[in-house]
């Protein structure tokens, strides 16, 4: 779910399934992990539109690619807002 500017919740998807967390807990060997992954080292991933905007503001042109299920309009609106706050 998202939140509208007036504070009301906006439903993005019709499901009771939880959203993927930004971080996940380590699982024991042989135990099923719904969010598998591996360590890529410290400081290589970021969370939040403002953090991404700071990184991207150093470039004159960017291309972002991803899964079709991403709410691209929502993503673009939030990222654009953060870039404008930075003067870009």
Foldseek 3Di string as FASTA:
>chain_A
DDADPVGHDDDPDDDPDDDDDPDDDDDDPPDDDPDDDDDPDPPPDDDDLLVVLVVPLVDPDDDDDDDPPDPVVVSVVRNVVNNVVVVD
